[in-house]
Amino acid sequence: MKKVKLRWREKEIEGLLIAKKGEYLEIKLKSGYNIMLNENEVEILKEEEFKRSYARGGEGKGEVRIIGCGGTIGSKVDYETGGVSPQISASELVAQYPEIKDIAGVETRMLFSILSENMRQEHWEKIVDEVAKAFEEEKRVVLLHGTDTMHYTASALAFAFRGMPSPVVLTGSQRSSDRPSSDARLNLLNAIYTSKQEFGEVAIVMHSSINDNEGVVLRGVRARKMHSTRRDAFKPINESPLAFVDFKKGIEWLSKPSKPVSDWKVENGFSRKVAMVYIYPGIEEGVFDYYKSYDGIVLLGTGMGHTPTDIIEKINEMKGIVVMSTQTIYGRINLNVYSTGRLLKKAGVIGHELDITPEAAFVKLSWILYRTKERQEVKRLFYTNMANEFSMRSVI
């Protein structure tokens, strides 16, 4: 890779010559954006070798392990087809985002590459195993993931580990790397910087606003994707962000994360027989017949955790565990206020007074039911604050 200064259409441009593809030169500008210029329209004024700095001890010995699980952020543009293809080798990442070398030595591992909507419990389990392996080798971890279900995977990691020796940072990209408005670069660099900090939690790092200038660090079990396309789609639910981060300036902590521990352990495994049911006007009792064989259901109730009165009897008949979360997203469950709530509580529905997100509730119940189906033990574990997934008092 070379550092170049060139003239194009009466303009002088400086940047890194990443690749030559046919008649086109791919140049990375200082702004972080990539441009493609026709070689026949370019006059090269100056060029010199750009020496990359890899991980300590040579390539592949990085202190930060970037684990690829799919998603746009782990892709590169194929200019022949106009699409994107997986890109996860350390050399390719450093070539595309050379600022990485100023933050940390990195190595990469492609675990799998799937659309995040196709994530299943078996994928969570593979990710947990891979992170545990990285911890054993004293590596920091950044996980590249599709944004749609990133908060589910973050919760799975949070519940699978009892303490962490260093953070696990998930990041993604709302906009593909072939678009000038892509958020991939800033998210990745901020995620790597965050992974170097001294704390022991699962975090999600994405844009803090629609502007391309700062990232936000969110607790994985308290974050949710709240917009389909905006770069600042991820928001903290019922708490403040952990921090704001700028890989050039540093990190500003807003609240104290959990401390790293040396005696961490992993408890992997998630039940496949857990479902989520969204309560809506006119929902019929027959909906629940399909879930008779399930070990558990998370209800997304209205308001403080309500369902139509005529289906409470059906819930009473459920053999599996029923947990209540709220479709309002913000706020907490209170089953004491209205008669339907009291009936649900009497029926054994779990969740009273919790402000856990629906996604974290689903993953937590899956984790618990993989270990026990004894009702009282499930209830005890669900009300145990295992990864800061709920608070006794909501901030919002």
Protein backbone atom coordinates (compact mmCIF):
# COMPACT_ATOMS: atom_id res chain seq x y z
CA MET A 1 0.00 0.00 0.00
CA LYS A 2 1.31 3.45 -0.91
CA LYS A 3 0.78 6.97 0.32
CA VAL A 4 0.00 9.13 -2.70
CA LYS A 5 -0.53 12.71 -3.72
CA LEU A 6 -2.27 13.14 -7.05
CA ARG A 7 -4.05 15.63 -9.26
CA TRP A 8 -7.56 14.81 -10.47
CA ARG A 9 -9.68 17.27 -12.43
CA GLU A 10 -7.59 20.25 -11.24
CA LYS A 11 -7.80 19.12 -7.61
CA GLU A 12 -4.95 17.82 -5.48
CA ILE A 13 -5.83 14.75 -3.45
CA GLU A 14 -3.81 12.95 -0.78
CA GLY A 15 -4.53 9.53 0.61
CA LEU A 16 -3.63 5.85 0.67
CA LEU A 17 -3.65 3.80 -2.52
CA ILE A 18 -5.45 0.70 -1.27
CA ALA A 19 -5.91 -1.20 -4.52
CA LYS A 20 -5.98 -1.03 -8.28
CA LYS A 21 -9.04 -2.62 -9.88
CA GLY A 22 -8.97 -2.54 -13.64
CA GLU A 23 -8.69 1.07 -14.71
CA TYR A 24 -9.67 2.34 -11.27
CA LEU A 25 -7.59 3.31 -8.26
CA GLU A 26 -9.13 2.91 -4.80
CA ILE A 27 -7.97 5.79 -2.58
CA LYS A 28 -8.64 6.17 1.14
CA LEU A 29 -8.85 9.87 2.04
CA LYS A 30 -7.84 11.39 5.37
CA SER A 31 -11.54 11.78 6.15
CA GLY A 32 -11.84 7.99 6.16
CA TYR A 33 -13.92 7.84 3.00
CA ASN A 34 -12.85 5.72 0.03
CA ILE A 35 -13.07 6.98 -3.55
CA MET A 36 -12.54 5.27 -6.91
CA LEU A 37 -10.72 7.30 -9.59
CA ASN A 38 -10.15 6.42 -13.22
CA GLU A 39 -6.40 5.96 -13.69
CA ASN A 40 -6.53 7.77 -17.04
CA GLU A 41 -7.85 10.93 -15.33
CA VAL A 42 -5.18 10.99 -12.60
CA GLU A 43 -1.69 12.50 -12.50
CA ILE A 44 0.39 11.06 -9.67
CA LEU A 45 2.49 13.85 -8.13
CA LYS A 46 4.11 11.89 -5.32
CA GLU A 47 4.08 8.37 -3.93
CA GLU A 48 5.89 6.56 -1.14
CA GLU A 49 5.57 3.22 0.61
CA PHE A 50 3.19 3.18 3.53
CA LYS A 51 4.57 0.91 6.24
CA ARG A 52 1.85 -0.74 8.26
CA SER A 53 2.32 -1.58 11.92
CA TYR A 54 0.80 -4.95 12.75
CA ALA A 55 0.25 -6.67 16.07
CA ARG A 56 3.08 -7.10 18.57
CA GLY A 57 5.11 -10.15 17.73
CA GLY A 58 4.02 -10.12 14.11
CA GLU A 59 0.81 -10.51 12.16
CA GLY A 60 -1.69 -12.79 13.83
CA LYS A 61 -0.44 -12.04 17.37
CA GLY A 62 -2.76 -9.16 18.09
CA GLU A 63 -3.93 -8.16 21.53
CA VAL A 64 -7.46 -7.50 20.19
CA ARG A 65 -9.21 -10.39 18.49
CA ILE A 66 -11.88 -9.31 16.04
CA ILE A 67 -14.44 -12.08 15.61
CA GLY A 68 -16.59 -11.92 12.49
CA CYS A 69 -20.16 -13.16 12.64
CA GLY A 70 -21.51 -11.46 9.53
CA GLY A 71 -23.05 -8.08 9.00
CA THR A 72 -22.21 -5.22 6.70
CA ILE A 73 -19.39 -3.95 8.90
CA GLY A 74 -17.27 -7.01 8.13
CA SER A 75 -17.60 -6.56 4.36
CA LYS A 76 -15.81 -4.87 1.53
CA VAL A 77 -17.13 -3.48 -1.72
CA ASP A 78 -16.86 -5.60 -4.87
CA TYR A 79 -16.75 -2.93 -7.56
CA GLU A 80 -17.33 -5.46 -10.33
CA THR A 81 -20.73 -6.46 -9.01
CA GLY A 82 -21.60 -3.41 -6.93
CA GLY A 83 -22.24 -5.60 -3.88
CA VAL A 84 -20.32 -6.40 -0.73
CA SER A 85 -18.43 -9.54 0.24
CA PRO A 86 -16.96 -10.78 3.54
CA GLN A 87 -13.71 -9.15 4.64
CA ILE A 88 -12.21 -10.18 7.93
CA SER A 89 -8.44 -10.73 7.59
CA ALA A 90 -6.30 -8.42 9.70
CA SER A 91 -4.37 -7.19 6.66
CA GLU A 92 -7.55 -6.25 4.78
CA LEU A 93 -9.04 -4.50 7.80
CA VAL A 94 -5.88 -2.50 8.44
CA ALA A 95 -5.69 -1.68 4.72
CA GLN A 96 -9.22 -0.33 4.70
CA TYR A 97 -9.00 1.34 8.12
CA PRO A 98 -5.29 2.14 8.69
CA GLU A 99 -6.07 4.05 11.89
CA ILE A 100 -6.48 0.65 13.58
CA LYS A 101 -2.70 0.38 13.94
CA ASP A 102 -2.69 3.51 16.11
CA ILE A 103 -5.16 1.94 18.55
CA ALA A 104 -4.15 -1.69 18.91
CA GLY A 105 -2.60 -4.71 17.34
CA VAL A 106 -5.36 -6.86 15.92
CA GLU A 107 -5.96 -10.35 14.69
CA THR A 108 -9.14 -11.65 13.13
CA ARG A 109 -11.23 -14.79 13.14
CA MET A 110 -14.19 -15.40 10.85
CA LEU A 111 -16.55 -17.54 12.90
CA PHE A 112 -19.38 -17.46 10.38
CA SER A 113 -21.06 -14.96 8.08
CA ILE A 114 -24.84 -14.83 8.20
CA LEU A 115 -27.60 -12.27 8.16
CA SER A 116 -28.33 -11.33 11.77
CA GLU A 117 -32.01 -12.21 11.39
CA ASN A 118 -30.86 -15.80 10.84
CA MET A 119 -29.11 -15.96 14.21
CA ARG A 120 -30.26 -18.85 16.38
CA GLN A 121 -29.36 -20.20 19.81
CA GLU A 122 -26.69 -22.46 18.30
CA HIS A 123 -24.95 -19.39 16.90
CA TRP A 124 -24.97 -17.74 20.32
CA GLU A 125 -23.37 -20.86 21.75
CA LYS A 126 -20.60 -20.85 19.13
CA ILE A 127 -19.93 -17.18 19.83
CA VAL A 128 -19.76 -17.81 23.59
CA ASP A 129 -17.24 -20.63 23.05
CA GLU A 130 -15.15 -18.43 20.77
CA VAL A 131 -15.11 -15.55 23.26
CA ALA A 132 -14.16 -17.94 26.09
CA LYS A 133 -11.25 -19.17 23.97
CA ALA A 134 -10.13 -15.57 23.40
CA PHE A 135 -10.28 -14.87 27.14
CA GLU A 136 -8.17 -17.94 27.85
CA GLU A 137 -5.57 -16.59 25.43
CA GLU A 138 -5.76 -13.16 27.14
CA LYS A 139 -7.19 -11.39 24.12
CA ARG A 140 -9.54 -8.44 24.07
CA VAL A 141 -12.64 -9.10 21.97
CA VAL A 142 -14.51 -7.09 19.33
CA LEU A 143 -17.44 -8.86 17.70
CA LEU A 144 -18.62 -7.82 14.22
CA HIS A 145 -22.35 -8.48 13.95
CA GLY A 146 -25.39 -7.51 11.90
CA THR A 147 -27.33 -4.78 13.65
CA ASP A 148 -30.86 -6.22 13.57
CA THR A 149 -30.33 -8.76 16.36
CA MET A 150 -27.08 -7.56 17.87
CA HIS A 151 -28.77 -6.83 21.21
CA TYR A 152 -29.96 -10.45 21.47
CA THR A 153 -26.41 -11.75 21.01
CA ALA A 154 -25.07 -9.18 23.48
CA SER A 155 -27.56 -10.47 26.06
CA ALA A 156 -26.61 -14.08 25.35
CA LEU A 157 -22.96 -13.30 26.06
CA ALA A 158 -23.83 -11.37 29.21
CA PHE A 159 -25.82 -14.26 30.70
CA ALA A 160 -23.36 -16.97 29.65
CA PHE A 161 -20.41 -15.47 31.54
CA ARG A 162 -20.07 -15.15 35.29
CA GLY A 163 -17.69 -12.22 35.31
CA MET A 164 -15.31 -11.20 32.53
CA PRO A 165 -11.56 -10.51 32.50
CA SER A 166 -12.03 -7.77 29.90
CA PRO A 167 -14.89 -6.32 27.85
CA VAL A 168 -16.62 -7.90 24.88
CA VAL A 169 -17.59 -5.15 22.45
CA LEU A 170 -20.16 -5.70 19.72
CA THR A 171 -20.41 -3.34 16.80
CA GLY A 172 -22.06 -3.21 13.41
CA SER A 173 -22.88 -0.94 10.53
CA GLN A 174 -26.23 0.52 9.59
CA ARG A 175 -25.01 1.54 6.16
CA SER A 176 -22.85 -0.47 3.80
CA SER A 177 -19.22 0.41 3.21
CA ASP A 178 -19.86 1.43 -0.41
CA ARG A 179 -21.94 4.40 0.75
CA PRO A 180 -20.36 7.76 1.63
CA SER A 181 -22.55 7.85 4.76
CA SER A 182 -21.34 4.47 6.03
CA ASP A 183 -20.86 4.28 9.78
CA ALA A 184 -18.58 1.23 9.58
CA ARG A 185 -15.25 3.02 10.05
CA LEU A 186 -16.14 5.06 13.14
CA ASN A 187 -18.00 2.18 14.79
CA LEU A 188 -15.12 -0.25 14.31
CA LEU A 189 -12.40 2.14 15.49
CA ASN A 190 -14.41 3.18 18.54
CA ALA A 191 -15.20 -0.46 19.33
CA ILE A 192 -11.51 -1.42 19.21
CA TYR A 193 -10.64 1.53 21.45
CA THR A 194 -13.39 0.58 23.91
CA SER A 195 -12.17 -3.03 24.04
CA LYS A 196 -8.86 -1.73 25.44
CA GLN A 197 -10.55 -0.21 28.49
CA GLU A 198 -10.54 -1.84 31.91
CA PHE A 199 -14.03 -3.16 32.55
CA GLY A 200 -15.76 -6.53 32.47
CA GLU A 201 -19.07 -6.31 30.64
CA VAL A 202 -20.65 -6.87 27.25
CA ALA A 203 -21.06 -3.56 25.45
CA ILE A 204 -22.49 -2.34 22.18
CA VAL A 205 -20.65 0.53 20.49
CA MET A 206 -22.40 2.46 17.73
CA HIS A 207 -22.92 6.10 16.69
CA SER A 208 -24.12 8.44 19.44
CA SER A 209 -25.90 10.70 16.94
CA ILE A 210 -26.53 10.98 13.22
CA ASN A 211 -23.26 12.92 12.97
CA ASP A 212 -20.07 11.03 12.18
CA ASN A 213 -18.06 12.29 15.15
CA GLU A 214 -18.63 10.23 18.29
CA GLY A 215 -19.65 6.79 19.48
CA VAL A 216 -21.73 5.65 22.42
CA VAL A 217 -20.99 2.71 24.71
CA LEU A 218 -24.16 0.88 25.77
CA ARG A 219 -24.59 -1.98 28.21
CA GLY A 220 -25.43 -4.99 26.05
CA VAL A 221 -28.39 -6.19 28.12
CA ARG A 222 -29.92 -2.68 28.26
CA ALA A 223 -29.62 -1.66 24.61
CA ARG A 224 -32.13 -1.89 21.79
CA LYS A 225 -32.23 -1.02 18.10
CA MET A 226 -34.81 1.77 17.96
CA HIS A 227 -34.66 2.85 14.32
CA SER A 228 -34.46 0.87 11.09
CA THR A 229 -31.85 3.00 9.28
CA ARG A 230 -30.40 5.83 11.39
CA ARG A 231 -26.77 5.60 12.36
CA ASP A 232 -27.71 6.27 15.99
CA ALA A 233 -30.35 3.53 16.00
CA PHE A 234 -29.18 1.91 19.25
CA LYS A 235 -30.40 3.47 22.48
CA PRO A 236 -30.05 2.61 26.16
CA ILE A 237 -33.33 1.43 27.72
CA ASN A 238 -34.23 2.52 31.24
CA GLU A 239 -30.68 3.71 31.96
CA SER A 240 -28.06 6.14 30.73
CA PRO A 241 -25.25 5.17 28.34
CA LEU A 242 -22.12 3.74 29.92
CA ALA A 243 -19.89 6.19 28.06
CA PHE A 244 -19.22 8.28 24.99
CA VAL A 245 -16.14 7.36 23.01
CA ASP A 246 -13.91 9.03 20.41
CA PHE A 247 -10.93 6.88 19.49
CA LYS A 248 -8.89 10.05 18.83
CA LYS A 249 -9.71 11.81 22.10
CA GLY A 250 -10.57 9.09 24.59
CA ILE A 251 -13.57 7.84 26.51
CA GLU A 252 -15.92 9.72 28.83
CA TRP A 253 -17.59 7.46 31.39
CA LEU A 254 -21.09 8.39 32.46
CA SER A 255 -21.64 5.46 34.82
CA LYS A 256 -19.49 2.76 36.37
CA PRO A 257 -19.36 -0.55 34.49
CA SER A 258 -18.59 -3.85 36.19
CA LYS A 259 -14.94 -4.43 37.05
CA PRO A 260 -12.94 -7.13 35.28
CA VAL A 261 -12.34 -10.35 37.25
CA SER A 262 -9.71 -13.03 36.96
CA ASP A 263 -11.89 -15.89 38.25
CA TRP A 264 -14.46 -15.71 35.45
CA LYS A 265 -16.33 -18.76 34.24
CA VAL A 266 -18.65 -19.60 31.39
CA GLU A 267 -22.02 -21.38 31.51
CA ASN A 268 -23.03 -21.91 27.91
CA GLY A 269 -26.32 -23.28 26.53
CA PHE A 270 -29.75 -21.87 25.63
CA SER A 271 -33.15 -23.54 25.38
CA ARG A 272 -34.68 -23.71 21.91
CA LYS A 273 -38.19 -23.97 23.35
CA VAL A 274 -38.79 -20.34 24.36
CA ALA A 275 -41.07 -17.98 22.44
CA MET A 276 -42.18 -14.35 22.42
CA VAL A 277 -45.85 -13.43 22.01
CA TYR A 278 -46.93 -9.88 21.29
CA ILE A 279 -50.27 -9.06 22.93
CA TYR A 280 -52.68 -7.20 20.65
CA PRO A 281 -56.38 -6.27 20.64
CA GLY A 282 -58.47 -9.31 19.74
CA ILE A 283 -55.75 -11.89 20.32
CA GLU A 284 -57.38 -15.31 20.49
CA GLU A 285 -56.80 -18.08 22.98
CA GLY A 286 -55.85 -20.47 20.19
CA VAL A 287 -52.60 -18.59 19.64
CA PHE A 288 -51.27 -20.25 22.78
CA ASP A 289 -52.16 -23.79 21.68
CA TYR A 290 -49.10 -23.79 19.43
CA TYR A 291 -46.85 -23.19 22.43
CA LYS A 292 -48.17 -25.99 24.64
CA SER A 293 -44.93 -27.94 24.21
CA TYR A 294 -42.71 -24.93 24.90
CA ASP A 295 -40.72 -24.56 28.09
CA GLY A 296 -41.37 -20.85 28.34
CA ILE A 297 -43.02 -17.79 26.82
CA VAL A 298 -42.20 -14.10 27.11
CA LEU A 299 -45.37 -12.02 26.80
CA LEU A 300 -45.03 -8.49 25.47
CA GLY A 301 -47.94 -7.08 27.40
CA THR A 302 -49.61 -3.71 27.03
CA GLY A 303 -48.81 -0.89 29.42
CA MET A 304 -47.44 -2.14 32.74
CA GLY A 305 -47.83 -5.75 31.64
CA HIS A 306 -51.40 -6.61 30.69
CA THR A 307 -53.25 -9.07 28.51
CA PRO A 308 -56.96 -9.37 27.63
CA THR A 309 -58.85 -10.95 30.52
CA ASP A 310 -60.22 -13.83 28.45
CA ILE A 311 -56.79 -15.31 27.75
CA ILE A 312 -55.59 -15.33 31.35
CA GLU A 313 -57.29 -18.70 31.85
CA LYS A 314 -55.31 -20.01 28.89
CA ILE A 315 -52.12 -18.74 30.49
CA ASN A 316 -53.17 -20.56 33.67
CA GLU A 317 -53.17 -23.80 31.70
CA MET A 318 -49.66 -23.30 30.32
CA LYS A 319 -47.23 -25.90 31.61
CA GLY A 320 -44.24 -23.76 30.68
CA ILE A 321 -42.97 -20.67 32.46
CA VAL A 322 -44.62 -17.37 31.48
CA VAL A 323 -42.66 -14.11 31.81
CA MET A 324 -44.09 -10.63 31.33
CA SER A 325 -42.29 -7.74 29.61
CA THR A 326 -43.79 -4.57 28.22
CA GLN A 327 -44.23 -3.58 24.59
CA THR A 328 -43.88 0.07 25.61
CA ILE A 329 -40.14 -0.76 25.91
CA TYR A 330 -39.47 1.99 28.47
CA GLY A 331 -40.74 1.62 32.03
CA ARG A 332 -41.25 -1.35 34.30
CA ILE A 333 -43.83 -4.05 34.87
CA ASN A 334 -46.33 -3.58 37.70
CA LEU A 335 -48.90 -6.34 38.08
CA ASN A 336 -50.49 -4.84 41.21
CA VAL A 337 -52.21 -1.80 39.69
CA TYR A 338 -55.02 -3.30 37.58
CA SER A 339 -57.16 -6.38 38.05
CA THR A 340 -55.76 -8.13 34.99
CA GLY A 341 -52.25 -7.65 36.33
CA ARG A 342 -53.20 -9.15 39.68
CA LEU A 343 -54.80 -12.13 37.94
CA LEU A 344 -51.65 -12.65 35.86
CA LYS A 345 -49.53 -12.48 38.99
CA LYS A 346 -51.81 -15.02 40.68
CA ALA A 347 -51.42 -17.26 37.62
CA GLY A 348 -47.68 -17.34 38.29
CA VAL A 349 -46.53 -14.92 35.61
CA ILE A 350 -42.99 -13.69 36.36
CA GLY A 351 -41.73 -10.16 35.85
CA HIS A 352 -43.50 -7.98 38.42
CA GLU A 353 -41.55 -4.78 39.15
CA LEU A 354 -38.79 -5.50 36.61
CA ASP A 355 -37.73 -3.09 33.84
CA ILE A 356 -35.92 -5.69 31.73
CA THR A 357 -36.14 -5.32 27.94
CA PRO A 358 -38.17 -7.92 25.98
CA GLU A 359 -35.03 -9.15 24.22
CA ALA A 360 -33.02 -9.56 27.41
CA ALA A 361 -36.00 -11.31 29.04
CA PHE A 362 -36.22 -13.75 26.13
CA VAL A 363 -32.52 -14.57 26.19
CA LYS A 364 -32.39 -14.80 29.98
CA LEU A 365 -35.34 -17.20 30.09
CA SER A 366 -33.69 -19.28 27.35
CA TRP A 367 -30.50 -19.45 29.40
CA ILE A 368 -32.33 -20.39 32.62
CA LEU A 369 -34.56 -23.05 31.06
CA TYR A 370 -31.53 -24.78 29.55
CA ARG A 371 -30.48 -25.43 33.15
CA THR A 372 -33.68 -25.98 35.09
CA LYS A 373 -37.43 -26.18 34.59
CA GLU A 374 -38.30 -26.24 38.28
CA ARG A 375 -40.68 -23.29 38.65
CA GLN A 376 -39.38 -21.84 41.91
CA GLU A 377 -35.77 -22.06 40.79
CA VAL A 378 -36.63 -20.43 37.46
CA LYS A 379 -38.37 -17.62 39.33
CA ARG A 380 -35.43 -17.17 41.69
CA LEU A 381 -32.93 -16.99 38.84
CA PHE A 382 -35.08 -14.65 36.77
CA TYR A 383 -35.31 -12.21 39.69
CA THR A 384 -31.53 -12.41 40.20
CA ASN A 385 -29.80 -9.43 38.61
CA MET A 386 -27.11 -11.41 36.81
CA ALA A 387 -25.68 -8.88 34.35
CA ASN A 388 -27.20 -5.50 35.33
CA GLU A 389 -30.16 -6.37 33.09
CA PHE A 390 -32.64 -4.58 35.34
CA SER A 391 -32.57 -1.80 37.91
CA MET A 392 -34.52 -1.14 41.07
CA ARG A 393 -35.32 2.35 39.85
CA SER A 394 -35.68 3.42 36.23
CA VAL A 395 -33.73 6.45 35.03
CA ILE A 396 -36.23 7.14 32.25
